[in-house]
Amino acid sequence: MSKSKKSAGPFSLRPRLRIQCGAEIAFGPGKADLLELIAKTGSIGEAAKHMDMSYMRAWSLVQAMNECFRQPVVTALRGGNQRGGAELTAIGRRVLETYRRMEKNSLKITRPDWLALKQLLRR
């Protein structure tokens, strides 16, 4: 960090786990957030709005996840005259739950090294 840049607050550790499938990111923090919002709102469009992204971007992320896993993680209903919707499948809920557990575990495992590294940072 250059001297001209100021820290916005105290330092924190935020592991960013990504599951790769070749060059494609099959799952990561953004996709986990998207799944959580789809589960909460029941809508890909609403989830996209909350994340400040276009519906098409959110839809392409859902399609990519559905293609990377053995079974779809999200099912979507067409809108038509009535409002469509989306929901996580059982596999989608399991993927999200497992990923969040991996994030928590990575924080626990890296804690001793993080505390040592933190001592080397500017206060």
N, C-alpha and C. Protein backbone atom coordinates (compact mmCIF):
# COMPACT_ATOMS: atom_id res chain seq x y z
N MET A 1 0.86 -1.16 0.00
CA MET A 1 0.00 0.00 0.00
C MET A 1 0.90 1.22 0.00
N SER A 2 0.63 2.19 -0.85
CA SER A 2 1.44 3.40 -0.89
C SER A 2 1.10 4.27 0.31
N LYS A 3 2.02 5.18 0.64
CA LYS A 3 1.81 6.04 1.79
C LYS A 3 0.64 6.99 1.58
N SER A 4 0.30 7.29 0.32
CA SER A 4 -0.80 8.22 0.05
C SER A 4 -2.16 7.57 0.29
N LYS A 5 -2.22 6.27 0.26
CA LYS A 5 -3.50 5.59 0.49
C LYS A 5 -3.69 5.34 1.98
N LYS A 6 -4.87 5.65 2.47
CA LYS A 6 -5.20 5.43 3.87
C LYS A 6 -6.04 4.18 4.01
N SER A 7 -5.83 3.47 5.10
CA SER A 7 -6.64 2.30 5.38
C SER A 7 -8.04 2.75 5.79
N ALA A 8 -9.05 2.04 5.34
CA ALA A 8 -10.44 2.38 5.67
C ALA A 8 -10.81 1.94 7.07
N GLY A 9 -9.99 1.18 7.72
CA GLY A 9 -10.29 0.70 9.06
C GLY A 9 -9.31 -0.38 9.47
N PRO A 10 -9.61 -1.07 10.55
CA PRO A 10 -8.70 -2.12 11.00
C PRO A 10 -8.60 -3.25 9.96
N PHE A 11 -7.47 -3.90 9.97
CA PHE A 11 -7.26 -5.01 9.04
C PHE A 11 -8.10 -6.21 9.44
N SER A 12 -8.50 -6.98 8.45
CA SER A 12 -9.22 -8.22 8.70
C SER A 12 -8.83 -9.22 7.62
N LEU A 13 -9.01 -10.48 7.92
CA LEU A 13 -8.71 -11.55 6.98
C LEU A 13 -10.01 -12.03 6.36
N ARG A 14 -10.01 -12.16 5.05
CA ARG A 14 -11.20 -12.63 4.34
C ARG A 14 -10.78 -13.62 3.26
N PRO A 15 -10.68 -14.90 3.61
CA PRO A 15 -10.32 -15.89 2.59
C PRO A 15 -11.35 -15.92 1.46
N ARG A 16 -10.87 -16.08 0.25
CA ARG A 16 -11.73 -16.11 -0.93
C ARG A 16 -11.52 -17.45 -1.64
N LEU A 17 -12.29 -18.44 -1.28
CA LEU A 17 -12.17 -19.76 -1.87
C LEU A 17 -12.89 -19.81 -3.21
N ARG A 18 -12.25 -20.43 -4.18
CA ARG A 18 -12.88 -20.61 -5.49
C ARG A 18 -12.69 -22.05 -5.93
N ILE A 19 -13.75 -22.65 -6.41
CA ILE A 19 -13.68 -23.99 -6.97
C ILE A 19 -13.58 -23.83 -8.47
N GLN A 20 -12.48 -24.27 -9.04
CA GLN A 20 -12.22 -24.12 -10.47
C GLN A 20 -12.59 -25.39 -11.22
N CYS A 21 -13.09 -25.21 -12.42
CA CYS A 21 -13.33 -26.29 -13.36
C CYS A 21 -12.63 -25.85 -14.63
N GLY A 22 -11.36 -26.22 -14.76
CA GLY A 22 -10.53 -25.67 -15.84
C GLY A 22 -10.35 -24.20 -15.57
N ALA A 23 -10.62 -23.35 -16.56
CA ALA A 23 -10.50 -21.90 -16.40
C ALA A 23 -11.77 -21.30 -15.77
N GLU A 24 -12.85 -22.06 -15.76
CA GLU A 24 -14.14 -21.60 -15.25
C GLU A 24 -14.17 -21.67 -13.72
N ILE A 25 -14.74 -20.63 -13.11
CA ILE A 25 -14.98 -20.68 -11.66
C ILE A 25 -16.34 -21.34 -11.47
N ALA A 26 -16.30 -22.56 -10.97
CA ALA A 26 -17.55 -23.30 -10.76
C ALA A 26 -18.33 -22.72 -9.59
N PHE A 27 -17.58 -22.28 -8.56
CA PHE A 27 -18.23 -21.73 -7.38
C PHE A 27 -17.24 -20.88 -6.61
N GLY A 28 -17.72 -19.80 -6.06
CA GLY A 28 -16.87 -18.90 -5.29
C GLY A 28 -17.73 -17.96 -4.47
N PRO A 29 -17.12 -16.95 -3.90
CA PRO A 29 -17.85 -16.06 -2.98
C PRO A 29 -19.02 -15.32 -3.64
N GLY A 30 -18.85 -14.85 -4.85
CA GLY A 30 -19.94 -14.14 -5.53
C GLY A 30 -21.11 -15.05 -5.84
N LYS A 31 -20.80 -16.25 -6.29
CA LYS A 31 -21.87 -17.21 -6.61
C LYS A 31 -22.57 -17.67 -5.33
N ALA A 32 -21.83 -17.78 -4.24
CA ALA A 32 -22.44 -18.13 -2.96
C ALA A 32 -23.40 -17.03 -2.52
N ASP A 33 -22.97 -15.78 -2.66
CA ASP A 33 -23.85 -14.65 -2.31
C ASP A 33 -25.10 -14.66 -3.19
N LEU A 34 -24.93 -14.94 -4.48
CA LEU A 34 -26.07 -15.00 -5.39
C LEU A 34 -27.05 -16.09 -4.97
N LEU A 35 -26.54 -17.28 -4.63
CA LEU A 35 -27.43 -18.36 -4.18
C LEU A 35 -28.18 -17.96 -2.92
N GLU A 36 -27.50 -17.33 -1.98
CA GLU A 36 -28.17 -16.91 -0.74
C GLU A 36 -29.31 -15.95 -1.04
N LEU A 37 -29.06 -15.01 -1.96
CA LEU A 37 -30.10 -14.04 -2.30
C LEU A 37 -31.25 -14.66 -3.08
N ILE A 38 -30.95 -15.63 -3.93
CA ILE A 38 -32.02 -16.34 -4.64
C ILE A 38 -32.89 -17.09 -3.62
N ALA A 39 -32.25 -17.73 -2.65
CA ALA A 39 -33.00 -18.45 -1.62
C ALA A 39 -33.87 -17.48 -0.81
N LYS A 40 -33.33 -16.30 -0.53
CA LYS A 40 -34.04 -15.31 0.28
C LYS A 40 -35.19 -14.66 -0.49
N THR A 41 -34.96 -14.29 -1.76
CA THR A 41 -35.95 -13.53 -2.52
C THR A 41 -36.86 -14.40 -3.38
N GLY A 42 -36.41 -15.62 -3.71
CA GLY A 42 -37.19 -16.48 -4.59
C GLY A 42 -37.14 -16.01 -6.04
N SER A 43 -36.12 -15.20 -6.36
CA SER A 43 -36.06 -14.62 -7.69
C SER A 43 -34.62 -14.34 -8.11
N ILE A 44 -34.27 -14.74 -9.33
CA ILE A 44 -32.94 -14.42 -9.86
C ILE A 44 -32.84 -12.92 -10.11
N GLY A 45 -33.90 -12.32 -10.64
CA GLY A 45 -33.91 -10.89 -10.91
C GLY A 45 -33.75 -10.05 -9.65
N GLU A 46 -34.48 -10.41 -8.60
CA GLU A 46 -34.37 -9.68 -7.33
C GLU A 46 -32.98 -9.86 -6.72
N ALA A 47 -32.46 -11.07 -6.79
CA ALA A 47 -31.11 -11.32 -6.28
C ALA A 47 -30.10 -10.47 -7.04
N ALA A 48 -30.26 -10.39 -8.35
CA ALA A 48 -29.36 -9.58 -9.18
C ALA A 48 -29.42 -8.12 -8.77
N LYS A 49 -30.62 -7.60 -8.54
CA LYS A 49 -30.77 -6.19 -8.11
C LYS A 49 -30.03 -5.94 -6.81
N HIS A 50 -30.17 -6.85 -5.86
CA HIS A 50 -29.48 -6.70 -4.57
C HIS A 50 -27.96 -6.68 -4.74
N MET A 51 -27.48 -7.36 -5.76
CA MET A 51 -26.04 -7.44 -6.00
C MET A 51 -25.58 -6.38 -7.00
N ASP A 52 -26.50 -5.54 -7.46
CA ASP A 52 -26.20 -4.49 -8.43
C ASP A 52 -25.60 -5.07 -9.71
N MET A 53 -26.24 -6.13 -10.20
CA MET A 53 -25.83 -6.73 -11.48
C MET A 53 -27.05 -6.93 -12.34
N SER A 54 -26.82 -7.11 -13.62
CA SER A 54 -27.94 -7.31 -14.54
C SER A 54 -28.54 -8.71 -14.35
N TYR A 55 -29.80 -8.82 -14.74
CA TYR A 55 -30.45 -10.12 -14.70
C TYR A 55 -29.68 -11.12 -15.57
N MET A 56 -29.25 -10.67 -16.76
CA MET A 56 -28.55 -11.57 -17.68
C MET A 56 -27.25 -12.08 -17.08
N ARG A 57 -26.53 -11.24 -16.35
CA ARG A 57 -25.29 -11.68 -15.69
C ARG A 57 -25.62 -12.72 -14.63
N ALA A 58 -26.62 -12.44 -13.82
CA ALA A 58 -27.01 -13.40 -12.78
C ALA A 58 -27.46 -14.72 -13.40
N TRP A 59 -28.25 -14.64 -14.46
CA TRP A 59 -28.73 -15.84 -15.15
C TRP A 59 -27.55 -16.64 -15.70
N SER A 60 -26.56 -15.96 -16.27
CA SER A 60 -25.40 -16.68 -16.82
C SER A 60 -24.60 -17.35 -15.71
N LEU A 61 -24.53 -16.73 -14.53
CA LEU A 61 -23.84 -17.35 -13.39
C LEU A 61 -24.60 -18.59 -12.91
N VAL A 62 -25.93 -18.50 -12.88
CA VAL A 62 -26.76 -19.66 -12.49
C VAL A 62 -26.56 -20.79 -13.50
N GLN A 63 -26.59 -20.46 -14.79
CA GLN A 63 -26.38 -21.49 -15.81
C GLN A 63 -25.01 -22.14 -15.66
N ALA A 64 -23.99 -21.35 -15.41
CA ALA A 64 -22.64 -21.90 -15.25
C ALA A 64 -22.58 -22.85 -14.06
N MET A 65 -23.21 -22.46 -12.94
CA MET A 65 -23.23 -23.35 -11.77
C MET A 65 -23.99 -24.62 -12.09
N ASN A 66 -25.14 -24.49 -12.74
CA ASN A 66 -25.95 -25.66 -13.07
C ASN A 66 -25.19 -26.63 -13.98
N GLU A 67 -24.33 -26.10 -14.84
CA GLU A 67 -23.55 -26.95 -15.74
C GLU A 67 -22.36 -27.61 -15.03
N CYS A 68 -21.83 -26.95 -14.01
CA CYS A 68 -20.64 -27.48 -13.32
C CYS A 68 -20.95 -28.58 -12.32
N PHE A 69 -22.14 -28.55 -11.75
CA PHE A 69 -22.49 -29.56 -10.75
C PHE A 69 -23.28 -30.69 -11.40
N ARG A 70 -23.26 -31.84 -10.77
CA ARG A 70 -23.92 -33.03 -11.32
C ARG A 70 -25.42 -32.82 -11.51
N GLN A 71 -25.99 -32.03 -10.63
CA GLN A 71 -27.41 -31.70 -10.73
C GLN A 71 -27.55 -30.19 -10.59
N PRO A 72 -28.62 -29.61 -11.11
CA PRO A 72 -28.80 -28.16 -11.01
C PRO A 72 -28.81 -27.69 -9.55
N VAL A 73 -28.28 -26.49 -9.33
CA VAL A 73 -28.30 -25.89 -8.00
C VAL A 73 -29.48 -24.93 -7.84
N VAL A 74 -30.02 -24.47 -8.97
CA VAL A 74 -31.16 -23.56 -8.98
C VAL A 74 -32.16 -24.04 -10.02
N THR A 75 -33.44 -24.01 -9.67
CA THR A 75 -34.49 -24.24 -10.67
C THR A 75 -35.23 -22.92 -10.83
N ALA A 76 -35.57 -22.62 -12.07
CA ALA A 76 -36.27 -21.36 -12.37
C ALA A 76 -37.58 -21.67 -13.07
N LEU A 77 -38.58 -20.86 -12.76
CA LEU A 77 -39.89 -20.95 -13.41
C LEU A 77 -40.04 -19.74 -14.31
N ARG A 78 -40.55 -19.94 -15.50
CA ARG A 78 -40.76 -18.82 -16.43
C ARG A 78 -41.84 -17.89 -15.89
N GLY A 79 -41.68 -16.61 -16.22
CA GLY A 79 -42.60 -15.58 -15.73
C GLY A 79 -43.94 -15.58 -16.45
N GLY A 80 -43.93 -15.28 -17.75
CA GLY A 80 -45.18 -15.20 -18.51
C GLY A 80 -46.12 -14.17 -17.91
N ASN A 81 -47.41 -14.48 -17.86
CA ASN A 81 -48.39 -13.55 -17.29
C ASN A 81 -48.26 -13.45 -15.78
N GLN A 82 -47.75 -14.51 -15.18
CA GLN A 82 -47.55 -14.51 -13.74
C GLN A 82 -46.06 -14.39 -13.46
N ARG A 83 -45.76 -13.91 -12.29
CA ARG A 83 -44.37 -13.76 -11.90
C ARG A 83 -43.70 -15.12 -11.81
N GLY A 84 -42.54 -15.24 -12.42
CA GLY A 84 -41.77 -16.47 -12.33
C GLY A 84 -41.11 -16.54 -10.97
N GLY A 85 -40.20 -17.41 -10.84
CA GLY A 85 -39.51 -17.55 -9.57
C GLY A 85 -38.31 -18.46 -9.72
N ALA A 86 -37.56 -18.57 -8.68
CA ALA A 86 -36.40 -19.45 -8.66
C ALA A 86 -36.21 -19.94 -7.24
N GLU A 87 -35.65 -21.12 -7.14
CA GLU A 87 -35.35 -21.66 -5.81
C GLU A 87 -34.13 -22.56 -5.89
N LEU A 88 -33.47 -22.68 -4.75
CA LEU A 88 -32.34 -23.60 -4.68
C LEU A 88 -32.87 -25.01 -4.62
N THR A 89 -32.19 -25.90 -5.30
CA THR A 89 -32.51 -27.31 -5.20
C THR A 89 -31.86 -27.84 -3.92
N ALA A 90 -32.13 -29.08 -3.59
CA ALA A 90 -31.48 -29.69 -2.42
C ALA A 90 -29.97 -29.67 -2.60
N ILE A 91 -29.51 -29.93 -3.82
CA ILE A 91 -28.06 -29.88 -4.10
C ILE A 91 -27.54 -28.46 -3.94
N GLY A 92 -28.30 -27.47 -4.39
CA GLY A 92 -27.90 -26.08 -4.25
C GLY A 92 -27.75 -25.67 -2.80
N ARG A 93 -28.70 -26.10 -1.97
CA ARG A 93 -28.61 -25.80 -0.53
C ARG A 93 -27.39 -26.48 0.09
N ARG A 94 -27.14 -27.70 -0.35
CA ARG A 94 -25.99 -28.45 0.17
C ARG A 94 -24.66 -27.81 -0.27
N VAL A 95 -24.58 -27.38 -1.53
CA VAL A 95 -23.38 -26.71 -2.05
C VAL A 95 -23.11 -25.45 -1.23
N LEU A 96 -24.14 -24.63 -1.04
CA LEU A 96 -23.99 -23.38 -0.32
C LEU A 96 -23.58 -23.62 1.13
N GLU A 97 -24.23 -24.55 1.78
CA GLU A 97 -23.92 -24.88 3.17
C GLU A 97 -22.47 -25.38 3.31
N THR A 98 -22.07 -26.26 2.42
CA THR A 98 -20.71 -26.82 2.46
C THR A 98 -19.68 -25.73 2.20
N TYR A 99 -19.94 -24.86 1.24
CA TYR A 99 -19.02 -23.78 0.91
C TYR A 99 -18.86 -22.83 2.11
N ARG A 100 -19.95 -22.44 2.73
CA ARG A 100 -19.88 -21.54 3.89
C ARG A 100 -19.12 -22.20 5.05
N ARG A 101 -19.29 -23.49 5.20
CA ARG A 101 -18.55 -24.22 6.23
C ARG A 101 -17.05 -24.20 5.91
N MET A 102 -16.70 -24.37 4.63
CA MET A 102 -15.30 -24.31 4.21
C MET A 102 -14.70 -22.94 4.52
N GLU A 103 -15.48 -21.87 4.28
CA GLU A 103 -15.00 -20.52 4.60
C GLU A 103 -14.70 -20.38 6.10
N LYS A 104 -15.63 -20.83 6.93
CA LYS A 104 -15.43 -20.74 8.39
C LYS A 104 -14.23 -21.55 8.82
N ASN A 105 -14.10 -22.76 8.27
CA ASN A 105 -12.97 -23.62 8.63
C ASN A 105 -11.64 -23.01 8.19
N SER A 106 -11.62 -22.36 7.04
CA SER A 106 -10.37 -21.75 6.57
C SER A 106 -9.96 -20.61 7.48
N LEU A 107 -10.93 -19.88 8.03
CA LEU A 107 -10.61 -18.83 8.99
C LEU A 107 -10.01 -19.42 10.26
N LYS A 108 -10.57 -20.50 10.75
CA LYS A 108 -10.05 -21.15 11.96
C LYS A 108 -8.62 -21.64 11.75
N ILE A 109 -8.40 -22.28 10.62
CA ILE A 109 -7.08 -22.87 10.34
C ILE A 109 -6.01 -21.81 10.14
N THR A 110 -6.36 -20.70 9.52
CA THR A 110 -5.37 -19.66 9.23
C THR A 110 -5.18 -18.67 10.38
N ARG A 111 -5.96 -18.78 11.42
CA ARG A 111 -5.90 -17.81 12.53
C ARG A 111 -4.50 -17.61 13.11
N PRO A 112 -3.75 -18.66 13.46
CA PRO A 112 -2.40 -18.42 14.02
C PRO A 112 -1.49 -17.65 13.05
N ASP A 113 -1.49 -18.02 11.79
CA ASP A 113 -0.67 -17.30 10.82
C ASP A 113 -1.18 -15.88 10.62
N TRP A 114 -2.50 -15.70 10.64
CA TRP A 114 -3.07 -14.37 10.50
C TRP A 114 -2.62 -13.47 11.65
N LEU A 115 -2.65 -13.99 12.88
CA LEU A 115 -2.22 -13.19 14.03
C LEU A 115 -0.75 -12.80 13.90
N ALA A 116 0.09 -13.70 13.39
CA ALA A 116 1.50 -13.39 13.18
C ALA A 116 1.67 -12.33 12.09
N LEU A 117 0.95 -12.48 11.00
CA LEU A 117 1.03 -11.53 9.90
C LEU A 117 0.50 -10.15 10.29
N LYS A 118 -0.53 -10.14 11.10
CA LYS A 118 -1.14 -8.89 11.54
C LYS A 118 -0.13 -8.01 12.29
N GLN A 119 0.78 -8.66 13.00
CA GLN A 119 1.80 -7.92 13.75
C GLN A 119 2.75 -7.14 12.81
N LEU A 120 2.81 -7.56 11.56
CA LEU A 120 3.71 -6.93 10.59
C LEU A 120 3.04 -5.79 9.81
N LEU A 121 1.75 -5.62 9.99
CA LEU A 121 1.00 -4.60 9.26
C LEU A 121 1.06 -3.26 9.98
N ARG A 122 0.92 -2.18 9.21
CA ARG A 122 0.84 -0.85 9.82
C ARG A 122 -0.44 -0.78 10.65
N ARG A 123 -0.37 -0.07 11.70
CA ARG A 123 -1.54 0.06 12.56
C ARG A 123 -2.35 1.26 12.17
